Amino acid sequence: MPGHGSGTEEAKKELIDNMNRLEELIKEHDVIFLLTDSRESRWLPTVMANLHKKICFTVALGFETYLVMRHGVPASLSKEGEMRLGCYFCNDVVAPRNSLSDRTLDQ
């Protein structure tokens, strides 16, 4: 996740292996569902899904709220004359950062 260090050389190797596995999973599937707890953890899979022209859904749960969002769909999959949706993070004005630090339990 952006804003989080990768640590030792062994941890960096594991990180690269996990990123390669994530990309392979995204390539192999038609639709991606992200059920994670932070913006950072959704950022990379969303960008990868957009890169590989996959439909991506985010479901984010909070204590009192929830969010369900469909990210960009490839123009080839959209109906004729319909505009292609943009990726939320590609159009976001806030750069990826560590939103987990200094976060209290009630936020």
C-alpha atoms as a PDB file:
ATOM      1  CA  MET A   1       0.000   0.000   0.000  1.00  0.00           C
ATOM      2  CA  PRO A   2       1.281   3.498  -0.683  1.00  0.00           C
ATOM      3  CA  GLY A   3       2.716   5.059   2.432  1.00  0.00           C
ATOM      4  CA  HIS A   4       3.666   1.739   4.018  1.00  0.00           C
ATOM      5  CA  GLY A   5       7.261   0.533   4.047  1.00  0.00           C
ATOM      6  CA  SER A   6       8.182  -2.911   2.767  1.00  0.00           C
ATOM      7  CA  GLY A   7      10.928  -3.629   5.323  1.00  0.00           C
ATOM      8  CA  THR A   8      13.603  -6.279   4.812  1.00  0.00           C
ATOM      9  CA  GLU A   9      14.836  -7.735   1.522  1.00  0.00           C
ATOM     10  CA  GLU A  10      12.800 -10.876   2.210  1.00  0.00           C
ATOM     11  CA  ALA A  11       9.680  -8.753   2.754  1.00  0.00           C
ATOM     12  CA  LYS A  12      10.375  -6.860  -0.498  1.00  0.00           C
ATOM     13  CA  LYS A  13      10.633 -10.149  -2.404  1.00  0.00           C
ATOM     14  CA  GLU A  14       7.365 -11.322  -0.855  1.00  0.00           C
ATOM     15  CA  LEU A  15       5.750  -7.986  -1.770  1.00  0.00           C
ATOM     16  CA  ILE A  16       6.809  -8.322  -5.418  1.00  0.00           C
ATOM     17  CA  ASP A  17       5.599 -11.937  -5.508  1.00  0.00           C
ATOM     18  CA  ASN A  18       2.228 -10.865  -4.062  1.00  0.00           C
ATOM     19  CA  MET A  19       1.906  -8.035  -6.581  1.00  0.00           C
ATOM     20  CA  ASN A  20       2.651 -10.419  -9.459  1.00  0.00           C
ATOM     21  CA  ARG A  21       0.083 -12.911  -8.110  1.00  0.00           C
ATOM     22  CA  LEU A  22      -2.510 -10.132  -7.767  1.00  0.00           C
ATOM     23  CA  GLU A  23      -1.916  -9.040 -11.343  1.00  0.00           C
ATOM     24  CA  GLU A  24      -2.272 -12.620 -12.601  1.00  0.00           C
ATOM     25  CA  LEU A  25      -5.550 -13.020 -10.717  1.00  0.00           C
ATOM     26  CA  ILE A  26      -6.877  -9.783 -12.191  1.00  0.00           C
ATOM     27  CA  LYS A  27      -5.868 -10.857 -15.704  1.00  0.00           C
ATOM     28  CA  GLU A  28      -7.596 -14.242 -15.287  1.00  0.00           C
ATOM     29  CA  HIS A  29     -10.994 -12.897 -14.185  1.00  0.00           C
ATOM     30  CA  ASP A  30     -13.716 -10.850 -15.852  1.00  0.00           C
ATOM     31  CA  VAL A  31     -14.960  -8.953 -12.797  1.00  0.00           C
ATOM     32  CA  ILE A  32     -12.982  -7.894  -9.715  1.00  0.00           C
ATOM     33  CA  PHE A  33     -14.622  -7.393  -6.299  1.00  0.00           C
ATOM     34  CA  LEU A  34     -12.603  -5.540  -3.660  1.00  0.00           C
ATOM     35  CA  LEU A  35     -13.701  -6.062  -0.054  1.00  0.00           C
ATOM     36  CA  THR A  36     -11.046  -4.232   1.921  1.00  0.00           C
ATOM     37  CA  ASP A  37     -10.915  -1.755   4.785  1.00  0.00           C
ATOM     38  CA  SER A  38      -8.851   1.167   3.465  1.00  0.00           C
ATOM     39  CA  ARG A  39      -8.386   3.348   0.411  1.00  0.00           C
ATOM     40  CA  GLU A  40      -4.766   2.256   0.127  1.00  0.00           C
ATOM     41  CA  SER A  41      -5.622  -1.425  -0.071  1.00  0.00           C
ATOM     42  CA  ARG A  42      -8.080  -0.737  -2.907  1.00  0.00           C
ATOM     43  CA  TRP A  43      -5.775   1.553  -4.885  1.00  0.00           C
ATOM     44  CA  LEU A  44      -3.410  -0.921  -6.583  1.00  0.00           C
ATOM     45  CA  PRO A  45      -6.033  -3.545  -7.536  1.00  0.00           C
ATOM     46  CA  THR A  46      -8.271  -0.787  -8.930  1.00  0.00           C
ATOM     47  CA  VAL A  47      -5.490   0.637 -11.062  1.00  0.00           C
ATOM     48  CA  MET A  48      -4.499  -2.861 -12.236  1.00  0.00           C
ATOM     49  CA  ALA A  49      -8.114  -3.687 -13.113  1.00  0.00           C
ATOM     50  CA  ASN A  50      -8.346  -0.474 -15.117  1.00  0.00           C
ATOM     51  CA  LEU A  51      -5.047  -1.256 -16.862  1.00  0.00           C
ATOM     52  CA  HIS A  52      -6.274  -4.719 -17.854  1.00  0.00           C
ATOM     53  CA  LYS A  53      -9.755  -3.428 -18.824  1.00  0.00           C
ATOM     54  CA  LYS A  54     -11.636  -5.312 -16.120  1.00  0.00           C
ATOM     55  CA  ILE A  55     -14.820  -4.272 -14.363  1.00  0.00           C
ATOM     56  CA  CYS A  56     -14.063  -3.547 -10.711  1.00  0.00           C
ATOM     57  CA  PHE A  57     -16.438  -3.189  -7.748  1.00  0.00           C
ATOM     58  CA  THR A  58     -15.432  -1.782  -4.383  1.00  0.00           C
ATOM     59  CA  VAL A  59     -17.369  -2.582  -1.247  1.00  0.00           C
ATOM     60  CA  ALA A  60     -16.165  -0.630   1.766  1.00  0.00           C
ATOM     61  CA  LEU A  61     -17.718  -1.161   5.173  1.00  0.00           C
ATOM     62  CA  GLY A  62     -17.520   1.180   8.119  1.00  0.00           C
ATOM     63  CA  PHE A  63     -19.058   1.061  11.584  1.00  0.00           C
ATOM     64  CA  GLU A  64     -22.096   3.098  10.529  1.00  0.00           C
ATOM     65  CA  THR A  65     -21.662   3.494   6.779  1.00  0.00           C
ATOM     66  CA  TYR A  66     -20.891   1.559   3.644  1.00  0.00           C
ATOM     67  CA  LEU A  67     -19.890   2.297   0.084  1.00  0.00           C
ATOM     68  CA  VAL A  68     -20.437   0.269  -3.076  1.00  0.00           C
ATOM     69  CA  MET A  69     -18.778   1.643  -6.208  1.00  0.00           C
ATOM     70  CA  ARG A  70     -18.299   0.405  -9.747  1.00  0.00           C
ATOM     71  CA  HIS A  71     -15.047   1.515 -11.296  1.00  0.00           C
ATOM     72  CA  GLY A  72     -14.373   1.964 -14.995  1.00  0.00           C
ATOM     73  CA  VAL A  73     -15.685  -0.446 -17.561  1.00  0.00           C
ATOM     74  CA  PRO A  74     -13.855  -0.889 -20.863  1.00  0.00           C
ATOM     75  CA  ALA A  75     -15.398   0.936 -23.819  1.00  0.00           C
ATOM     76  CA  SER A  76     -15.582  -2.401 -25.646  1.00  0.00           C
ATOM     77  CA  LEU A  77     -17.932  -3.718 -22.936  1.00  0.00           C
ATOM     78  CA  SER A  78     -20.118  -0.635 -22.710  1.00  0.00           C
ATOM     79  CA  LYS A  79     -23.254  -0.218 -24.796  1.00  0.00           C
ATOM     80  CA  GLU A  80     -22.922   1.575 -28.108  1.00  0.00           C
ATOM     81  CA  GLY A  81     -22.781   5.324 -27.630  1.00  0.00           C
ATOM     82  CA  GLU A  82     -22.257   4.986 -23.864  1.00  0.00           C
ATOM     83  CA  MET A  83     -19.304   6.756 -22.283  1.00  0.00           C
ATOM     84  CA  ARG A  84     -16.625   4.755 -20.500  1.00  0.00           C
ATOM     85  CA  LEU A  85     -16.550   5.225 -16.718  1.00  0.00           C
ATOM     86  CA  GLY A  86     -13.338   6.506 -15.197  1.00  0.00           C
ATOM     87  CA  CYS A  87     -11.427   4.783 -12.453  1.00  0.00           C
ATOM     88  CA  TYR A  88     -12.137   6.418  -9.085  1.00  0.00           C
ATOM     89  CA  PHE A  89      -8.482   6.569  -8.118  1.00  0.00           C
ATOM     90  CA  CYS A  90      -7.333   7.693 -11.571  1.00  0.00           C
ATOM     91  CA  ASN A  91      -9.640  10.712 -11.224  1.00  0.00           C
ATOM     92  CA  ASP A  92      -9.075  11.284  -7.495  1.00  0.00           C
ATOM     93  CA  VAL A  93      -7.542  14.577  -6.421  1.00  0.00           C
ATOM     94  CA  VAL A  94      -6.098  13.088  -3.217  1.00  0.00           C
ATOM     95  CA  ALA A  95      -2.846  11.190  -3.663  1.00  0.00           C
ATOM     96  CA  PRO A  96      -2.621   7.737  -2.085  1.00  0.00           C
ATOM     97  CA  ARG A  97      -1.317   8.028   1.465  1.00  0.00           C
ATOM     98  CA  ASN A  98      -1.390   6.201   4.765  1.00  0.00           C
ATOM     99  CA  SER A  99      -4.904   6.859   6.025  1.00  0.00           C
ATOM    100  CA  LEU A 100      -4.553   4.210   8.728  1.00  0.00           C
ATOM    101  CA  SER A 101      -2.025   6.050  10.887  1.00  0.00           C
ATOM    102  CA  ASP A 102      -3.478   8.241  13.607  1.00  0.00           C
ATOM    103  CA  ARG A 103      -6.937   6.788  12.944  1.00  0.00           C
ATOM    104  CA  THR A 104      -9.030   6.179  16.030  1.00  0.00           C
ATOM    105  CA  LEU A 105     -11.373   3.238  16.359  1.00  0.00           C
ATOM    106  CA  ASP A 106     -14.481   5.438  16.043  1.00  0.00           C
ATOM    107  CA  GLN A 107     -13.554   6.956  12.655  1.00  0.00           C
END
